[in-house]
C-alpha atoms as a PDB file:
ATOM      1  CA  UNK A   1      47.213 167.288 157.274  1.00  0.00           C
ATOM      2  CA  UNK A   2      47.074 169.195 153.988  1.00  0.00           C
ATOM      3  CA  UNK A   3      50.866 169.006 153.721  1.00  0.00           C
ATOM      4  CA  UNK A   4      50.826 165.243 154.289  1.00  0.00           C
ATOM      5  CA  UNK A   5      48.079 164.844 151.694  1.00  0.00           C
ATOM      6  CA  UNK A   6      50.049 166.771 149.070  1.00  0.00           C
ATOM      7  CA  UNK A   7      53.171 164.777 149.875  1.00  0.00           C
ATOM      8  CA  UNK A   8      51.192 161.567 149.425  1.00  0.00           C
ATOM      9  CA  UNK A   9      49.992 162.727 146.017  1.00  0.00           C
ATOM     10  CA  UNK A  10      53.588 163.513 145.042  1.00  0.00           C
ATOM     11  CA  UNK A  11      54.723 160.024 146.044  1.00  0.00           C
ATOM     12  CA  UNK A  12      51.904 158.393 144.066  1.00  0.00           C
ATOM     13  CA  UNK A  13      52.686 160.546 141.025  1.00  0.00           C
ATOM     14  CA  UNK A  14      56.395 159.665 141.228  1.00  0.00           C
ATOM     15  CA  UNK A  15      55.611 155.963 141.547  1.00  0.00           C
ATOM     16  CA  UNK A  16      53.306 156.064 138.526  1.00  0.00           C
ATOM     17  CA  UNK A  17      56.077 157.680 136.503  1.00  0.00           C
ATOM     18  CA  UNK A  18      58.514 154.949 137.520  1.00  0.00           C
ATOM     19  CA  UNK A  19      56.328 151.938 136.762  1.00  0.00           C
ATOM     20  CA  UNK A  20      53.681 153.222 134.359  1.00  0.00           C
ATOM     21  CA  UNK A  21      53.426 154.281 130.739  1.00  0.00           C
ATOM     22  CA  UNK A  22      56.329 156.480 129.626  1.00  0.00           C
ATOM     23  CA  UNK A  23      55.763 158.414 126.395  1.00  0.00           C
ATOM     24  CA  UNK A  24      59.552 158.839 126.057  1.00  0.00           C
ATOM     25  CA  UNK A  25      60.026 155.064 125.667  1.00  0.00           C
ATOM     26  CA  UNK A  26      61.466 153.940 122.338  1.00  0.00           C
ATOM     27  CA  UNK A  27      61.278 150.618 120.516  1.00  0.00           C
ATOM     28  CA  UNK A  28      64.869 149.717 121.391  1.00  0.00           C
ATOM     29  CA  UNK A  29      64.677 150.775 125.061  1.00  0.00           C
ATOM     30  CA  UNK A  30      61.401 148.884 125.413  1.00  0.00           C
ATOM     31  CA  UNK A  31      62.866 145.738 123.862  1.00  0.00           C
ATOM     32  CA  UNK A  32      65.777 145.805 126.332  1.00  0.00           C
ATOM     33  CA  UNK A  33      63.394 146.044 129.293  1.00  0.00           C
ATOM     34  CA  UNK A  34      61.228 143.262 127.840  1.00  0.00           C
ATOM     35  CA  UNK A  35      64.280 141.004 127.561  1.00  0.00           C
ATOM     36  CA  UNK A  36      65.321 141.767 131.146  1.00  0.00           C
ATOM     37  CA  UNK A  37      61.802 141.003 132.411  1.00  0.00           C
ATOM     38  CA  UNK A  38      61.924 137.505 130.863  1.00  0.00           C
ATOM     39  CA  UNK A  39      64.866 136.423 133.038  1.00  0.00           C
ATOM     40  CA  UNK A  40      62.743 135.766 136.146  1.00  0.00           C
ATOM     41  CA  UNK A  41      59.913 133.951 134.381  1.00  0.00           C
ATOM     42  CA  UNK A  42      58.992 130.490 135.636  1.00  0.00           C
ATOM     43  CA  UNK A  43      55.737 129.833 133.814  1.00  0.00           C
ATOM     44  CA  UNK A  44      53.213 131.281 131.393  1.00  0.00           C
ATOM     45  CA  UNK A  45      49.535 130.745 130.618  1.00  0.00           C
ATOM     46  CA  UNK A  46      47.869 131.876 127.387  1.00  0.00           C
ATOM     47  CA  UNK A  47      44.155 131.951 126.582  1.00  0.00           C
ATOM     48  CA  UNK A  48      43.582 132.085 122.838  1.00  0.00           C
ATOM     49  CA  UNK A  49      40.485 132.589 120.702  1.00  0.00           C
ATOM     50  CA  UNK A  50      40.512 131.817 116.969  1.00  0.00           C
ATOM     51  CA  UNK A  51      37.751 133.095 114.696  1.00  0.00           C
ATOM     52  CA  UNK A  52      36.984 132.650 110.999  1.00  0.00           C
ATOM     53  CA  UNK A  53      33.995 134.101 109.175  1.00  0.00           C
ATOM     54  CA  UNK A  54      34.203 133.594 105.415  1.00  0.00           C
ATOM     55  CA  UNK A  55      32.105 132.672 102.407  1.00  0.00           C
ATOM     56  CA  UNK A  56      32.687 130.913  99.097  1.00  0.00           C
ATOM     57  CA  UNK A  57      30.666 132.506  96.302  1.00  0.00           C
ATOM     58  CA  UNK A  58      30.277 130.506  93.075  1.00  0.00           C
ATOM     59  CA  UNK A  59      28.798 132.043  89.925  1.00  0.00           C
ATOM     60  CA  UNK A  60      28.113 130.678  86.428  1.00  0.00           C
ATOM     61  CA  UNK A  61      27.450 134.155  85.086  1.00  0.00           C
ATOM     62  CA  UNK A  62      23.719 133.973  85.768  1.00  0.00           C
ATOM     63  CA  UNK A  63      23.251 132.513  89.211  1.00  0.00           C
ATOM     64  CA  UNK A  64      25.397 132.901  92.324  1.00  0.00           C
ATOM     65  CA  UNK A  65      25.559 130.404  95.166  1.00  0.00           C
ATOM     66  CA  UNK A  66      27.099 131.406  98.489  1.00  0.00           C
ATOM     67  CA  UNK A  67      28.484 128.893 100.969  1.00  0.00           C
ATOM     68  CA  UNK A  68      29.258 130.376 104.404  1.00  0.00           C
ATOM     69  CA  UNK A  69      32.302 129.004 106.203  1.00  0.00           C
ATOM     70  CA  UNK A  70      32.856 129.609 109.903  1.00  0.00           C
ATOM     71  CA  UNK A  71      35.363 128.323 112.414  1.00  0.00           C
ATOM     72  CA  UNK A  72      36.057 129.133 116.036  1.00  0.00           C
ATOM     73  CA  UNK A  73      38.122 127.669 118.802  1.00  0.00           C
ATOM     74  CA  UNK A  74      39.039 128.627 122.368  1.00  0.00           C
ATOM     75  CA  UNK A  75      42.354 127.263 123.578  1.00  0.00           C
ATOM     76  CA  UNK A  76      44.481 127.419 126.740  1.00  0.00           C
ATOM     77  CA  UNK A  77      48.220 126.819 126.721  1.00  0.00           C
ATOM     78  CA  UNK A  78      50.181 126.396 129.963  1.00  0.00           C
ATOM     79  CA  UNK A  79      53.971 126.396 129.880  1.00  0.00           C
ATOM     80  CA  UNK A  80      56.696 125.949 132.496  1.00  0.00           C
ATOM     81  CA  UNK A  81      60.415 126.614 132.123  1.00  0.00           C
ATOM     82  CA  UNK A  82      61.843 124.407 134.877  1.00  0.00           C
ATOM     83  CA  UNK A  83      61.244 121.747 133.812  1.00  0.00           C
ATOM     84  CA  UNK A  84      60.300 122.699 130.255  1.00  0.00           C
ATOM     85  CA  UNK A  85      56.778 121.361 129.765  1.00  0.00           C
ATOM     86  CA  UNK A  86      53.546 122.367 128.047  1.00  0.00           C
ATOM     87  CA  UNK A  87      49.863 121.512 128.262  1.00  0.00           C
ATOM     88  CA  UNK A  88      47.338 122.578 125.645  1.00  0.00           C
ATOM     89  CA  UNK A  89      43.607 121.966 125.673  1.00  0.00           C
ATOM     90  CA  UNK A  90      40.654 123.472 123.900  1.00  0.00           C
ATOM     91  CA  UNK A  91      38.350 122.795 121.004  1.00  0.00           C
ATOM     92  CA  UNK A  92      37.473 123.949 117.529  1.00  0.00           C
ATOM     93  CA  UNK A  93      34.342 124.000 115.430  1.00  0.00           C
ATOM     94  CA  UNK A  94      34.246 124.268 111.640  1.00  0.00           C
ATOM     95  CA  UNK A  95      30.963 124.703 109.795  1.00  0.00           C
ATOM     96  CA  UNK A  96      30.050 125.009 106.114  1.00  0.00           C
ATOM     97  CA  UNK A  97      26.396 125.310 105.078  1.00  0.00           C
ATOM     98  CA  UNK A  98      25.175 123.479 108.168  1.00  0.00           C
ATOM     99  CA  UNK A  99      25.940 123.389 111.883  1.00  0.00           C
ATOM    100  CA  UNK A 100      29.435 122.158 112.653  1.00  0.00           C
ATOM    101  CA  UNK A 101      30.673 119.698 115.214  1.00  0.00           C
ATOM    102  CA  UNK A 102      32.894 120.643 118.140  1.00  0.00           C
ATOM    103  CA  UNK A 103      36.186 118.743 118.217  1.00  0.00           C
ATOM    104  CA  UNK A 104      38.314 118.677 121.388  1.00  0.00           C
ATOM    105  CA  UNK A 105      42.067 119.349 121.330  1.00  0.00           C
ATOM    106  CA  UNK A 106      44.473 118.105 123.986  1.00  0.00           C
ATOM    107  CA  UNK A 107      48.227 117.665 123.944  1.00  0.00           C
ATOM    108  CA  UNK A 108      51.298 117.746 126.183  1.00  0.00           C
ATOM    109  CA  UNK A 109      54.975 118.437 125.662  1.00  0.00           C
ATOM    110  CA  UNK A 110      57.841 117.397 127.901  1.00  0.00           C
ATOM    111  CA  UNK A 111      61.634 117.263 127.750  1.00  0.00           C
ATOM    112  CA  UNK A 112      63.933 114.439 128.765  1.00  0.00           C
ATOM    113  CA  UNK A 113      67.116 114.659 130.817  1.00  0.00           C
ATOM    114  CA  UNK A 114      69.070 115.326 127.630  1.00  0.00           C
ATOM    115  CA  UNK A 115      66.725 118.190 126.724  1.00  0.00           C
ATOM    116  CA  UNK A 116      65.085 116.447 123.761  1.00  0.00           C
ATOM    117  CA  UNK A 117      61.391 117.150 123.249  1.00  0.00           C
ATOM    118  CA  UNK A 118      58.469 114.724 123.089  1.00  0.00           C
ATOM    119  CA  UNK A 119      54.921 115.663 122.087  1.00  0.00           C
ATOM    120  CA  UNK A 120      51.862 113.694 123.268  1.00  0.00           C
ATOM    121  CA  UNK A 121      48.793 114.153 121.067  1.00  0.00           C
ATOM    122  CA  UNK A 122      45.272 112.842 121.699  1.00  0.00           C
ATOM    123  CA  UNK A 123      43.192 111.527 118.820  1.00  0.00           C
ATOM    124  CA  UNK A 124      39.831 113.351 119.170  1.00  0.00           C
ATOM    125  CA  UNK A 125      37.956 110.467 117.532  1.00  0.00           C
ATOM    126  CA  UNK A 126      39.352 107.419 119.341  1.00  0.00           C
ATOM    127  CA  UNK A 127      40.622 109.140 122.483  1.00  0.00           C
ATOM    128  CA  UNK A 128      43.958 107.317 122.207  1.00  0.00           C
ATOM    129  CA  UNK A 129      47.311 108.999 122.780  1.00  0.00           C
ATOM    130  CA  UNK A 130      50.403 108.980 120.568  1.00  0.00           C
ATOM    131  CA  UNK A 131      53.912 110.154 121.411  1.00  0.00           C
ATOM    132  CA  UNK A 132      56.084 111.909 118.839  1.00  0.00           C
ATOM    133  CA  UNK A 133      59.763 112.390 119.650  1.00  0.00           C
ATOM    134  CA  UNK A 134      61.809 115.172 118.068  1.00  0.00           C
ATOM    135  CA  UNK A 135      64.190 113.462 115.604  1.00  0.00           C
ATOM    136  CA  UNK A 136      66.504 116.500 115.445  1.00  0.00           C
ATOM    137  CA  UNK A 137      67.936 115.883 118.920  1.00  0.00           C
ATOM    138  CA  UNK A 138      67.886 119.615 119.752  1.00  0.00           C
ATOM    139  CA  UNK A 139      68.430 120.335 123.440  1.00  0.00           C
ATOM    140  CA  UNK A 140      65.435 122.521 124.271  1.00  0.00           C
ATOM    141  CA  UNK A 141      66.808 123.576 127.673  1.00  0.00           C
ATOM    142  CA  UNK A 142      70.043 124.887 126.158  1.00  0.00           C
ATOM    143  CA  UNK A 143      68.059 126.621 123.425  1.00  0.00           C
ATOM    144  CA  UNK A 144      65.693 128.357 125.875  1.00  0.00           C
ATOM    145  CA  UNK A 145      68.545 129.316 128.226  1.00  0.00           C
ATOM    146  CA  UNK A 146      70.507 130.889 125.383  1.00  0.00           C
ATOM    147  CA  UNK A 147      67.485 132.892 124.199  1.00  0.00           C
ATOM    148  CA  UNK A 148      66.298 134.117 127.616  1.00  0.00           C
ATOM    149  CA  UNK A 149      67.185 137.725 128.301  1.00  0.00           C
ATOM    150  CA  UNK A 150      68.391 138.437 124.781  1.00  0.00           C
ATOM    151  CA  UNK A 151      67.329 141.861 123.549  1.00  0.00           C
ATOM    152  CA  UNK A 152      65.472 142.062 120.234  1.00  0.00           C
ATOM    153  CA  UNK A 153      66.675 144.837 117.983  1.00  0.00           C
ATOM    154  CA  UNK A 154      63.702 146.326 116.188  1.00  0.00           C
ATOM    155  CA  UNK A 155      66.186 148.033 113.880  1.00  0.00           C
ATOM    156  CA  UNK A 156      67.478 144.660 112.731  1.00  0.00           C
ATOM    157  CA  UNK A 157      63.925 143.378 112.388  1.00  0.00           C
ATOM    158  CA  UNK A 158      63.149 146.365 110.146  1.00  0.00           C
ATOM    159  CA  UNK A 159      65.961 145.249 107.832  1.00  0.00           C
ATOM    160  CA  UNK A 160      63.953 142.044 107.368  1.00  0.00           C
ATOM    161  CA  UNK A 161      60.834 144.024 106.501  1.00  0.00           C
ATOM    162  CA  UNK A 162      59.251 143.797 109.966  1.00  0.00           C
ATOM    163  CA  UNK A 163      58.589 147.448 110.697  1.00  0.00           C
ATOM    164  CA  UNK A 164      57.069 147.760 114.164  1.00  0.00           C
ATOM    165  CA  UNK A 165      55.563 151.015 115.379  1.00  0.00           C
ATOM    166  CA  UNK A 166      55.174 152.122 119.001  1.00  0.00           C
ATOM    167  CA  UNK A 167      51.941 153.978 119.741  1.00  0.00           C
ATOM    168  CA  UNK A 168      52.474 157.388 121.414  1.00  0.00           C
ATOM    169  CA  UNK A 169      49.656 156.821 123.899  1.00  0.00           C
ATOM    170  CA  UNK A 170      48.944 154.050 126.396  1.00  0.00           C
ATOM    171  CA  UNK A 171      46.528 151.276 125.489  1.00  0.00           C
ATOM    172  CA  UNK A 172      44.158 149.728 128.020  1.00  0.00           C
ATOM    173  CA  UNK A 173      44.010 145.946 128.468  1.00  0.00           C
ATOM    174  CA  UNK A 174      41.452 145.055 131.145  1.00  0.00           C
ATOM    175  CA  UNK A 175      42.398 148.096 133.201  1.00  0.00           C
ATOM    176  CA  UNK A 176      46.162 147.721 132.718  1.00  0.00           C
ATOM    177  CA  UNK A 177      48.238 150.366 130.976  1.00  0.00           C
ATOM    178  CA  UNK A 178      50.162 148.876 128.067  1.00  0.00           C
ATOM    179  CA  UNK A 179      52.540 149.864 125.315  1.00  0.00           C
ATOM    180  CA  UNK A 180      51.091 149.040 121.899  1.00  0.00           C
ATOM    181  CA  UNK A 181      53.420 147.653 119.244  1.00  0.00           C
ATOM    182  CA  UNK A 182      51.964 147.135 115.792  1.00  0.00           C
ATOM    183  CA  UNK A 183      53.236 145.715 112.531  1.00  0.00           C
ATOM    184  CA  UNK A 184      51.829 144.778 109.124  1.00  0.00           C
ATOM    185  CA  UNK A 185      53.172 141.843 107.135  1.00  0.00           C
ATOM    186  CA  UNK A 186      52.397 141.919 103.423  1.00  0.00           C
ATOM    187  CA  UNK A 187      53.892 140.756 100.124  1.00  0.00           C
ATOM    188  CA  UNK A 188      56.675 143.342 100.377  1.00  0.00           C
ATOM    189  CA  UNK A 189      57.611 141.934 103.788  1.00  0.00           C
ATOM    190  CA  UNK A 190      57.674 138.373 102.452  1.00  0.00           C
ATOM    191  CA  UNK A 191      59.835 139.417  99.500  1.00  0.00           C
ATOM    192  CA  UNK A 192      62.273 141.200 101.812  1.00  0.00           C
ATOM    193  CA  UNK A 193      62.484 138.141 104.056  1.00  0.00           C
ATOM    194  CA  UNK A 194      63.156 135.927 101.035  1.00  0.00           C
ATOM    195  CA  UNK A 195      65.928 138.269  99.878  1.00  0.00           C
ATOM    196  CA  UNK A 196      67.556 138.336 103.326  1.00  0.00           C
ATOM    197  CA  UNK A 197      67.378 134.547 103.620  1.00  0.00           C
ATOM    198  CA  UNK A 198      68.886 134.221 100.133  1.00  0.00           C
ATOM    199  CA  UNK A 199      71.723 136.559 101.110  1.00  0.00           C
ATOM    200  CA  UNK A 200      72.338 134.627 104.317  1.00  0.00           C
ATOM    201  CA  UNK A 201      72.297 131.164 102.730  1.00  0.00           C
ATOM    202  CA  UNK A 202      73.854 132.152  99.415  1.00  0.00           C
ATOM    203  CA  UNK A 203      70.974 130.481  97.602  1.00  0.00           C
ATOM    204  CA  UNK A 204      68.317 132.319  95.594  1.00  0.00           C
ATOM    205  CA  UNK A 205      65.108 130.917  97.056  1.00  0.00           C
ATOM    206  CA  UNK A 206      62.915 132.881  94.656  1.00  0.00           C
ATOM    207  CA  UNK A 207      64.392 130.823  91.803  1.00  0.00           C
ATOM    208  CA  UNK A 208      62.487 127.831  93.189  1.00  0.00           C
ATOM    209  CA  UNK A 209      59.210 127.486  91.256  1.00  0.00           C
ATOM    210  CA  UNK A 210      57.346 126.300  94.348  1.00  0.00           C
ATOM    211  CA  UNK A 211      58.511 129.285  96.396  1.00  0.00           C
ATOM    212  CA  UNK A 212      57.568 131.674  93.598  1.00  0.00           C
ATOM    213  CA  UNK A 213      54.136 130.031  93.322  1.00  0.00           C
ATOM    214  CA  UNK A 214      53.482 130.447  97.053  1.00  0.00           C
ATOM    215  CA  UNK A 215      54.678 134.074  97.043  1.00  0.00           C
ATOM    216  CA  UNK A 216      52.441 134.812  94.060  1.00  0.00           C
ATOM    217  CA  UNK A 217      49.448 133.165  95.737  1.00  0.00           C
ATOM    218  CA  UNK A 218      50.048 135.195  98.916  1.00  0.00           C
ATOM    219  CA  UNK A 219      50.569 138.458  97.057  1.00  0.00           C
ATOM    220  CA  UNK A 220      47.338 139.954  98.397  1.00  0.00           C
ATOM    221  CA  UNK A 221      47.615 138.669 101.966  1.00  0.00           C
ATOM    222  CA  UNK A 222      47.970 141.278 104.720  1.00  0.00           C
ATOM    223  CA  UNK A 223      48.607 140.224 108.328  1.00  0.00           C
ATOM    224  CA  UNK A 224      48.000 142.866 110.981  1.00  0.00           C
ATOM    225  CA  UNK A 225      49.739 142.336 114.333  1.00  0.00           C
ATOM    226  CA  UNK A 226      49.105 144.161 117.605  1.00  0.00           C
ATOM    227  CA  UNK A 227      51.298 143.427 120.602  1.00  0.00           C
ATOM    228  CA  UNK A 228      50.371 144.853 124.029  1.00  0.00           C
ATOM    229  CA  UNK A 229      53.176 145.101 126.627  1.00  0.00           C
ATOM    230  CA  UNK A 230      52.371 145.723 130.309  1.00  0.00           C
ATOM    231  CA  UNK A 231      53.798 149.138 131.207  1.00  0.00           C
ATOM    232  CA  UNK A 232      54.678 148.029 134.760  1.00  0.00           C
ATOM    233  CA  UNK A 233      56.167 144.573 134.128  1.00  0.00           C
ATOM    234  CA  UNK A 234      57.338 144.952 130.493  1.00  0.00           C
ATOM    235  CA  UNK A 235      55.837 141.559 129.695  1.00  0.00           C
ATOM    236  CA  UNK A 236      53.382 140.939 126.830  1.00  0.00           C
ATOM    237  CA  UNK A 237      49.806 141.027 128.112  1.00  0.00           C
ATOM    238  CA  UNK A 238      47.809 140.587 124.921  1.00  0.00           C
ATOM    239  CA  UNK A 239      48.265 139.801 121.248  1.00  0.00           C
ATOM    240  CA  UNK A 240      45.992 140.272 118.242  1.00  0.00           C
ATOM    241  CA  UNK A 241      46.533 139.038 114.690  1.00  0.00           C
ATOM    242  CA  UNK A 242      44.191 139.176 111.729  1.00  0.00           C
ATOM    243  CA  UNK A 243      44.126 138.819 107.950  1.00  0.00           C
ATOM    244  CA  UNK A 244      41.330 141.352 107.559  1.00  0.00           C
ATOM    245  CA  UNK A 245      41.879 143.713 104.660  1.00  0.00           C
ATOM    246  CA  UNK A 246      43.597 141.054 102.544  1.00  0.00           C
ATOM    247  CA  UNK A 247      42.969 140.851  98.816  1.00  0.00           C
ATOM    248  CA  UNK A 248      42.057 137.237  98.083  1.00  0.00           C
ATOM    249  CA  UNK A 249      41.758 137.714  94.323  1.00  0.00           C
ATOM    250  CA  UNK A 250      44.734 135.497  93.519  1.00  0.00           C
ATOM    251  CA  UNK A 251      43.509 132.699  95.801  1.00  0.00           C
ATOM    252  CA  UNK A 252      39.984 132.999  94.372  1.00  0.00           C
ATOM    253  CA  UNK A 253      41.402 132.706  90.849  1.00  0.00           C
ATOM    254  CA  UNK A 254      43.333 129.585  91.826  1.00  0.00           C
ATOM    255  CA  UNK A 255      40.226 128.007  93.369  1.00  0.00           C
ATOM    256  CA  UNK A 256      38.249 128.846  90.192  1.00  0.00           C
ATOM    257  CA  UNK A 257      40.827 126.998  88.099  1.00  0.00           C
ATOM    258  CA  UNK A 258      40.675 123.994  90.428  1.00  0.00           C
ATOM    259  CA  UNK A 259      36.866 123.918  90.245  1.00  0.00           C
ATOM    260  CA  UNK A 260      36.941 124.176  86.443  1.00  0.00           C
ATOM    261  CA  UNK A 261      39.411 121.324  86.232  1.00  0.00           C
ATOM    262  CA  UNK A 262      37.397 119.105  88.543  1.00  0.00           C
ATOM    263  CA  UNK A 263      33.974 119.631  86.958  1.00  0.00           C
ATOM    264  CA  UNK A 264      32.395 118.612  83.674  1.00  0.00           C
ATOM    265  CA  UNK A 265      33.211 120.263  80.356  1.00  0.00           C
ATOM    266  CA  UNK A 266      31.613 123.654  80.012  1.00  0.00           C
ATOM    267  CA  UNK A 267      32.029 124.532  83.705  1.00  0.00           C
ATOM    268  CA  UNK A 268      35.116 126.585  82.916  1.00  0.00           C
ATOM    269  CA  UNK A 269      32.930 129.700  82.997  1.00  0.00           C
ATOM    270  CA  UNK A 270      32.277 129.135  86.697  1.00  0.00           C
ATOM    271  CA  UNK A 271      34.023 131.713  88.868  1.00  0.00           C
ATOM    272  CA  UNK A 272      34.750 131.386  92.555  1.00  0.00           C
ATOM    273  CA  UNK A 273      35.211 134.271  94.976  1.00  0.00           C
ATOM    274  CA  UNK A 274      36.531 133.758  98.487  1.00  0.00           C
ATOM    275  CA  UNK A 275      35.160 136.454 100.808  1.00  0.00           C
ATOM    276  CA  UNK A 276      36.856 137.000 104.156  1.00  0.00           C
ATOM    277  CA  UNK A 277      34.739 138.810 106.734  1.00  0.00           C
ATOM    278  CA  UNK A 278      36.984 138.043 109.684  1.00  0.00           C
ATOM    279  CA  UNK A 279      40.014 135.850 110.287  1.00  0.00           C
ATOM    280  CA  UNK A 280      41.605 136.684 113.611  1.00  0.00           C
ATOM    281  CA  UNK A 281      43.420 135.372 116.672  1.00  0.00           C
ATOM    282  CA  UNK A 282      43.276 137.037 120.099  1.00  0.00           C
ATOM    283  CA  UNK A 283      45.323 135.941 123.080  1.00  0.00           C
ATOM    284  CA  UNK A 284      45.760 137.124 126.659  1.00  0.00           C
ATOM    285  CA  UNK A 285      48.821 136.102 128.656  1.00  0.00           C
ATOM    286  CA  UNK A 286      49.565 135.721 132.375  1.00  0.00           C
ATOM    287  CA  UNK A 287      52.831 134.806 134.077  1.00  0.00           C
ATOM    288  CA  UNK A 288      54.098 132.653 136.959  1.00  0.00           C
ATOM    289  CA  UNK A 289      50.573 131.327 137.496  1.00  0.00           C
ATOM    290  CA  UNK A 290      51.319 127.674 136.612  1.00  0.00           C
ATOM    291  CA  UNK A 291      52.936 125.751 139.488  1.00  0.00           C
ATOM    292  CA  UNK A 292      53.420 122.417 137.754  1.00  0.00           C
ATOM    293  CA  UNK A 293      52.303 120.524 134.673  1.00  0.00           C
ATOM    294  CA  UNK A 294      51.430 116.944 135.573  1.00  0.00           C
ATOM    295  CA  UNK A 295      51.267 114.537 132.642  1.00  0.00           C
ATOM    296  CA  UNK A 296      48.991 111.535 133.368  1.00  0.00           C
ATOM    297  CA  UNK A 297      50.572 108.059 133.385  1.00  0.00           C
ATOM    298  CA  UNK A 298      48.323 106.909 130.525  1.00  0.00           C
ATOM    299  CA  UNK A 299      49.737 109.721 128.389  1.00  0.00           C
ATOM    300  CA  UNK A 300      53.360 108.935 129.261  1.00  0.00           C
ATOM    301  CA  UNK A 301      52.718 105.288 128.335  1.00  0.00           C
ATOM    302  CA  UNK A 302      51.528 106.204 124.819  1.00  0.00           C
ATOM    303  CA  UNK A 303      53.226 104.356 121.931  1.00  0.00           C
ATOM    304  CA  UNK A 304      55.879 106.348 120.102  1.00  0.00           C
ATOM    305  CA  UNK A 305      55.240 107.290 116.495  1.00  0.00           C
ATOM    306  CA  UNK A 306      58.680 108.572 115.541  1.00  0.00           C
ATOM    307  CA  UNK A 307      59.021 110.390 112.244  1.00  0.00           C
ATOM    308  CA  UNK A 308      60.840 108.285 109.662  1.00  0.00           C
ATOM    309  CA  UNK A 309      63.659 110.677 108.773  1.00  0.00           C
ATOM    310  CA  UNK A 310      65.073 108.369 106.105  1.00  0.00           C
ATOM    311  CA  UNK A 311      61.709 108.241 104.334  1.00  0.00           C
ATOM    312  CA  UNK A 312      61.438 112.039 104.377  1.00  0.00           C
ATOM    313  CA  UNK A 313      64.975 112.338 103.024  1.00  0.00           C
ATOM    314  CA  UNK A 314      64.065 109.949 100.203  1.00  0.00           C
ATOM    315  CA  UNK A 315      61.012 112.001  99.252  1.00  0.00           C
ATOM    316  CA  UNK A 316      63.086 115.190  99.219  1.00  0.00           C
ATOM    317  CA  UNK A 317      65.699 113.522  97.008  1.00  0.00           C
ATOM    318  CA  UNK A 318      63.009 112.387  94.576  1.00  0.00           C
ATOM    319  CA  UNK A 319      61.511 115.882  94.465  1.00  0.00           C
ATOM    320  CA  UNK A 320      64.945 117.335  93.634  1.00  0.00           C
END
């Protein structure tokens, strides 16, 4: 009996080594296993929570007025691969000074026989539906098929400024052992991406005044990303993103200038400070749990509001 017990422990230990957290795993070996795990996927369901806790402080040098700004929104996204379809529903609430109002969100996405995508969006005020067809004509099925199973090289991503790190110890997500991948995106990352895009396209994007303005405005922004990968399935189980720790001095300065320009003469001394207590997104993911996405007939019958490509092209030409 003792011998059988010890043998059982050995089998359990061996199994845990085969399908559990492995400290010898590397970023590249993990990415290959993640890509292989995606091949058999049929559906995905994501539960997402968005949270914002901020304040706008205005001072004339003597008195300071603080306006709290909060926003939150739970959301569920279901997605199937055959056929390619999506359903999203949830709500969001934005409040400033007083209690906010909850606004529902609901939309669907489907693909036609030629693979082109159509979005169905519900107006939260009127309750009516509108269809928006993709004017690009991209075949979504071909695009998804070509991307499925492709390994992501973290070395190549590092060349673009996306430096992921793999934690040496397992992380726990609701009792499941996970690999933890983390990355920080800051102004250096954005500059590196701009340089790589410029090299690829042969066009210096930073020479564009609008691009330079945006990069300057985002100079203090820091995005922290945490990616949890199930150690037994090699599929993402959880994701966390936040802007906490960002320096909003440049944005606050821009808002101060806008306030000074919009108010009466003499208000130029008014300063505005944007304080960010929390701005985060958390999502948990499950797989092959969605059998079918059924789009109601009333949604499919929604009038199409195609994007006027010619009008957009005209606006771009005028801007140039």
